[in-house]
Every structure is written in C-alpha cells, then in structure tokens.
Amino acid sequence: MRTLGAMCAGLCLAVLALSGCETAGHDQADATAADMDTLRGSLATLKEKSAAAAAAASNLIEKADSDPKTAYAAYQAEVKNYESARSSVTDKHKEMKSREADFFSSWEKQSAAITEPDLKQKSIERRTKLQKTIESVDKSVEAVTGETTPFSATLSNLDKYWGMDLTSAGVTSAKDKVSDASKSAKSIGKKCDDAIEAIEKAAPEFRTAKPPPPAPAKEGDKDKDKK
C-alpha cells in the first residue's frame, strides 16, 4: 500500500506535468555547472587510469623473463579500469551537452519574450558569451576522447596479442607498441589537464553565488546555549 507521503508526491508531480512547469533558467545553469564539476572528476580519473594502463604494459615487458603471467593479469585489470574511466568521461560529457542544449534553448525562448529592446539585447549577448564559454569545454573534452579511441585500440590489440603468446620473445616483440602506448597516455593526460582547466574557467560563469556558511559559534555563545 502506498503511503500518504508517496501519494502526495505523486500528485504534486502530476500537477507539475499538467501545468507544463519548466525548471528555472538559473537552476539549469547551476545544474550545468554541477555537470562540469562531475566531468572534471571523471577527466582526472581518466588521466590516472590511462597512465596506469600504459605503466602496466611497460611492466609486462620488464617481467617477460621472470613472471609474465602475473604482469599480464595486472595489465588486463588496468585496461579494464581505464575503459571504465573512458566510458565515464564519454557518458558525463553527453549528459552535460544534453543539459546545455536544453538550457540555451530555454534561454532563447525567454529572450524572445522580453519586450524591452535593450534588455533583450543584453540577454542575447550574455547567452552568446556563455555558449562560447561552454563550447571551449566541449572542444577540449572532444580532444581527449579523440585520443582515447586509438589508445583503446592499441591496448585491446596488445591484450589479444599477449593472450596468445606470453613467451619472453612474444612479450618483448611488442615493445614498440608499448612505447607508443606510453606516449599516447602522456598526451591523453595533457589533454585531460587542458580540459580540466577549461572547466575550472567555465563553471563559475554558470554557477549562482551562494551565501557564505554561518560563522562558528564562539565559546561564550556555546556556554549560553547550554544554559
């Protein structure tokens, strides 16, 4: 049986749906900033996991004559971690782009409803500025994902290659590809840093200022409260 609270919540949602209420533009802007914050964290993880996957490949080369099976298992684990981080960046970026599209579409409609020409122009100019700001983020993230595709292919092909041959000669014969993977990981890391920097510049442009937290209570005030 549904609780009274759940029934009320459902009724409220139905009323909102029927009334066609939309999320306030400034709330959409805050949500976009939050999306950027989340994406920034995913990019930092991707940088870390890209480097770890490349390092695991290099470690396998070093362990070719001693313990390649253990090193190979570690490599496979790091590739899996990298692919998870890569998917996170892709998914978070798609979510952000979807929200920003809705945000700017709503802004355009609201600007059209402004009747004072000078204020309407200010709104259009502000929208254009923010669009350019977030486009810089999109481009920097796309530069990252553009490099992760061939990097993923190299890691996957190395996995298949070593899966068939873990002899010393088999492992070390892929040394040139491992070197390429290391260079790619460094390049991805650099592009992740660039994207993070772009986000750190852009997010404050969308975020609504919040009041500072209350000052901590003084010792004297605490004693008064106890009384």
Protein backbone atom coordinates (compact mmCIF):
# COMPACT_ATOMS: atom_id res chain seq x y z
CA MET A 1 0.00 0.00 0.00
CA ARG A 2 1.30 3.43 -0.92
CA THR A 3 1.98 5.79 1.95
CA LEU A 4 0.21 9.14 2.18
CA GLY A 5 3.53 10.92 1.56
CA ALA A 6 4.19 8.94 -1.62
CA MET A 7 0.66 9.62 -2.87
CA CYS A 8 1.06 13.35 -2.24
CA ALA A 9 4.42 13.40 -4.00
CA GLY A 10 2.92 11.63 -7.00
CA LEU A 11 0.03 14.07 -7.08
CA CYS A 12 2.40 17.04 -6.99
CA LEU A 13 4.41 15.64 -9.89
CA ALA A 14 1.24 15.10 -11.89
CA VAL A 15 0.13 18.69 -11.27
CA LEU A 16 3.52 19.99 -12.37
CA ALA A 17 3.39 17.88 -15.52
CA LEU A 18 -0.11 19.12 -16.40
CA SER A 19 0.81 22.73 -15.72
CA GLY A 20 3.86 22.47 -18.05
CA CYS A 21 6.19 23.96 -15.48
CA GLU A 22 9.82 24.16 -16.55
CA THR A 23 12.97 24.29 -14.48
CA ALA A 24 14.03 27.89 -13.88
CA GLY A 25 16.87 29.01 -16.13
CA HIS A 26 19.18 29.84 -13.25
CA ASP A 27 18.60 26.34 -11.83
CA GLN A 28 19.53 24.88 -15.21
CA ALA A 29 22.70 26.98 -15.15
CA ASP A 30 23.60 25.65 -11.70
CA ALA A 31 22.92 22.10 -12.90
CA THR A 32 25.21 22.67 -15.89
CA ALA A 33 27.96 23.86 -13.55
CA ALA A 34 27.42 20.73 -11.44
CA ASP A 35 27.72 18.61 -14.60
CA MET A 36 31.06 20.26 -15.31
CA ASP A 37 32.26 19.52 -11.79
CA THR A 38 31.38 15.85 -12.23
CA LEU A 39 33.03 15.74 -15.64
CA ARG A 40 36.18 17.29 -14.17
CA GLY A 41 36.42 14.42 -11.69
CA SER A 42 35.97 11.86 -14.46
CA LEU A 43 38.73 13.50 -16.50
CA ALA A 44 41.12 13.39 -13.55
CA THR A 45 40.38 9.67 -13.15
CA LEU A 46 40.87 9.07 -16.87
CA LYS A 47 44.30 10.70 -16.74
CA GLU A 48 45.27 8.45 -13.83
CA LYS A 49 43.95 5.24 -15.40
CA SER A 50 45.48 5.95 -18.82
CA ALA A 51 48.90 6.28 -17.20
CA ALA A 52 48.31 3.14 -15.12
CA ALA A 53 47.39 1.06 -18.18
CA ALA A 54 50.49 2.19 -20.06
CA ALA A 55 52.66 1.54 -16.99
CA ALA A 56 51.22 -1.97 -16.66
CA ALA A 57 52.14 -2.67 -20.28
CA SER A 58 55.69 -1.48 -19.64
CA ASN A 59 55.85 -3.63 -16.51
CA LEU A 60 54.92 -6.69 -18.54
CA ILE A 61 57.86 -6.03 -20.84
CA GLU A 62 60.11 -5.88 -17.77
CA LYS A 63 58.65 -9.12 -16.38
CA ALA A 64 58.93 -11.03 -19.69
CA ASP A 65 61.75 -13.21 -18.36
CA SER A 66 60.50 -13.63 -14.80
CA ASP A 67 56.73 -13.50 -14.17
CA PRO A 68 54.78 -12.52 -17.30
CA LYS A 69 51.51 -14.20 -16.25
CA THR A 70 51.12 -12.07 -13.12
CA ALA A 71 52.12 -8.93 -15.00
CA TYR A 72 49.69 -9.78 -17.81
CA ALA A 73 46.81 -10.23 -15.35
CA ALA A 74 47.68 -6.85 -13.81
CA TYR A 75 47.72 -5.32 -17.29
CA GLN A 76 44.26 -6.68 -18.07
CA ALA A 77 42.93 -5.25 -14.80
CA GLU A 78 44.37 -1.81 -15.55
CA VAL A 79 42.93 -1.83 -19.07
CA LYS A 80 39.52 -2.61 -17.59
CA ASN A 81 39.90 0.30 -15.15
CA TYR A 82 40.92 2.58 -17.99
CA GLU A 83 37.93 1.59 -20.13
CA SER A 84 35.61 2.28 -17.21
CA ALA A 85 37.13 5.74 -16.78
CA ARG A 86 36.89 6.38 -20.50
CA SER A 87 33.19 5.43 -20.54
CA SER A 88 32.57 7.72 -17.57
CA VAL A 89 34.02 10.73 -19.40
CA THR A 90 32.01 9.95 -22.54
CA ASP A 91 28.76 9.48 -20.61
CA LYS A 92 29.21 12.57 -18.42
CA HIS A 93 30.04 14.71 -21.43
CA LYS A 94 26.90 13.52 -23.25
CA GLU A 95 24.80 14.37 -20.20
CA MET A 96 26.34 17.83 -19.99
CA LYS A 97 25.80 18.53 -23.70
CA SER A 98 22.17 17.44 -23.44
CA ARG A 99 21.57 19.75 -20.50
CA GLU A 100 23.35 22.69 -22.11
CA ALA A 101 21.24 22.27 -25.27
CA ASP A 102 18.04 22.46 -23.18
CA PHE A 103 19.42 25.38 -21.20
CA PHE A 104 20.26 27.55 -24.21
CA SER A 105 17.03 26.61 -25.98
CA SER A 106 15.04 27.76 -22.95
CA TRP A 107 17.14 30.93 -22.76
CA GLU A 108 16.37 31.73 -26.40
CA LYS A 109 12.64 31.40 -25.75
CA GLN A 110 12.84 33.61 -22.66
CA SER A 111 14.86 36.25 -24.52
CA ALA A 112 12.20 36.35 -27.23
CA ALA A 113 9.59 37.15 -24.59
CA ILE A 114 11.46 40.23 -23.29
CA THR A 115 9.74 43.36 -24.60
CA GLU A 116 12.38 46.00 -23.82
CA PRO A 117 14.89 46.04 -26.72
CA ASP A 118 17.97 46.99 -24.69
CA LEU A 119 17.32 44.29 -22.09
CA LYS A 120 16.61 41.73 -24.80
CA GLN A 121 19.93 42.59 -26.45
CA LYS A 122 21.78 42.17 -23.15
CA SER A 123 20.17 38.75 -22.74
CA ILE A 124 21.21 37.71 -26.25
CA GLU A 125 24.78 38.89 -25.69
CA ARG A 126 25.02 37.09 -22.36
CA ARG A 127 23.69 33.87 -23.90
CA THR A 128 26.20 34.12 -26.75
CA LYS A 129 29.07 34.62 -24.30
CA LEU A 130 28.11 31.59 -22.23
CA GLN A 131 27.70 29.46 -25.33
CA LYS A 132 31.24 30.30 -26.42
CA THR A 133 32.46 29.55 -22.91
CA ILE A 134 30.96 26.08 -22.79
CA GLU A 135 31.98 25.37 -26.39
CA SER A 136 35.60 25.69 -25.24
CA VAL A 137 34.90 22.96 -22.70
CA ASP A 138 33.23 20.75 -25.30
CA LYS A 139 36.16 21.12 -27.70
CA SER A 140 38.73 20.34 -25.01
CA VAL A 141 36.84 17.20 -23.92
CA GLU A 142 36.43 16.10 -27.54
CA ALA A 143 40.20 16.44 -27.92
CA VAL A 144 40.56 13.96 -25.06
CA THR A 145 38.05 11.44 -26.40
CA GLY A 146 39.58 11.73 -29.86
CA GLU A 147 42.83 10.33 -28.48
CA THR A 148 41.28 7.68 -26.27
CA THR A 149 39.82 5.82 -29.27
CA PRO A 150 43.15 4.81 -30.87
CA PHE A 151 44.69 4.32 -27.41
CA SER A 152 41.91 1.86 -26.54
CA ALA A 153 42.52 0.02 -29.80
CA THR A 154 46.23 -0.33 -29.02
CA LEU A 155 45.55 -1.62 -25.51
CA SER A 156 42.97 -4.10 -26.81
CA ASN A 157 45.26 -5.37 -29.57
CA LEU A 158 48.13 -5.81 -27.12
CA ASP A 159 45.79 -7.79 -24.87
CA LYS A 160 44.85 -10.10 -27.75
CA TYR A 161 48.47 -10.42 -28.88
CA TRP A 162 49.82 -11.32 -25.45
CA GLY A 163 46.82 -13.53 -24.78
CA MET A 164 48.21 -15.87 -27.43
CA ASP A 165 51.89 -15.57 -26.60
CA LEU A 166 53.44 -14.82 -23.21
CA THR A 167 56.86 -16.21 -24.05
CA SER A 168 59.75 -13.84 -23.50
CA ALA A 169 60.13 -13.30 -27.24
CA GLY A 170 56.39 -12.84 -27.71
CA VAL A 171 56.10 -10.25 -24.95
CA THR A 172 59.13 -8.20 -25.89
CA SER A 173 58.34 -8.23 -29.61
CA ALA A 174 55.54 -5.75 -28.84
CA LYS A 175 57.95 -3.32 -27.19
CA ASP A 176 57.48 -0.68 -29.90
CA LYS A 177 53.71 -0.72 -29.42
CA VAL A 178 54.13 -0.39 -25.66
CA SER A 179 56.33 2.65 -26.25
CA ASP A 180 53.62 4.15 -28.46
CA ALA A 181 51.03 3.46 -25.75
CA SER A 182 53.16 5.28 -23.17
CA LYS A 183 53.40 8.33 -25.42
CA SER A 184 49.64 8.26 -26.02
CA ALA A 185 48.93 8.04 -22.29
CA LYS A 186 51.06 11.13 -21.66
CA SER A 187 49.27 13.00 -24.44
CA ILE A 188 45.86 11.99 -23.06
CA GLY A 189 46.96 13.16 -19.61
CA LYS A 190 47.99 16.54 -21.02
CA LYS A 191 44.68 16.93 -22.83
CA CYS A 192 42.81 15.95 -19.65
CA ASP A 193 44.66 18.74 -17.85
CA ASP A 194 43.66 21.19 -20.60
CA ALA A 195 40.02 20.12 -20.36
CA ILE A 196 40.04 20.41 -16.57
CA GLU A 197 41.49 23.91 -16.86
CA ALA A 198 38.75 24.86 -19.34
CA ILE A 199 36.11 23.54 -16.94
CA GLU A 200 37.58 25.42 -13.99
CA LYS A 201 37.32 28.64 -16.00
CA ALA A 202 33.84 27.93 -17.34
CA ALA A 203 31.94 26.51 -14.36
CA PRO A 204 31.95 29.74 -12.27
CA GLU A 205 30.30 31.53 -15.21
CA PHE A 206 27.23 29.30 -14.78
CA ARG A 207 27.14 28.92 -11.01
CA THR A 208 24.85 31.12 -8.91
CA ALA A 209 26.58 32.67 -5.91
CA LYS A 210 25.60 31.21 -2.56
CA PRO A 211 25.68 32.87 0.85
CA PRO A 212 28.74 32.06 2.97
CA PRO A 213 28.30 29.49 5.75
CA PRO A 214 27.46 30.88 9.20
CA ALA A 215 30.42 31.82 11.37
CA PRO A 216 31.33 29.22 14.00
CA ALA A 217 29.89 29.91 17.42
CA LYS A 218 32.23 31.46 19.97
CA GLU A 219 32.97 29.72 23.25
CA GLY A 220 30.88 32.22 25.16
CA ASP A 221 27.92 31.67 22.87
CA LYS A 222 28.21 27.90 23.32
CA ASP A 223 28.04 28.30 27.11
CA LYS A 224 24.91 30.45 26.75
CA ASP A 225 23.25 27.80 24.61
CA LYS A 226 23.92 25.17 27.25
CA LYS A 227 22.14 27.30 29.83
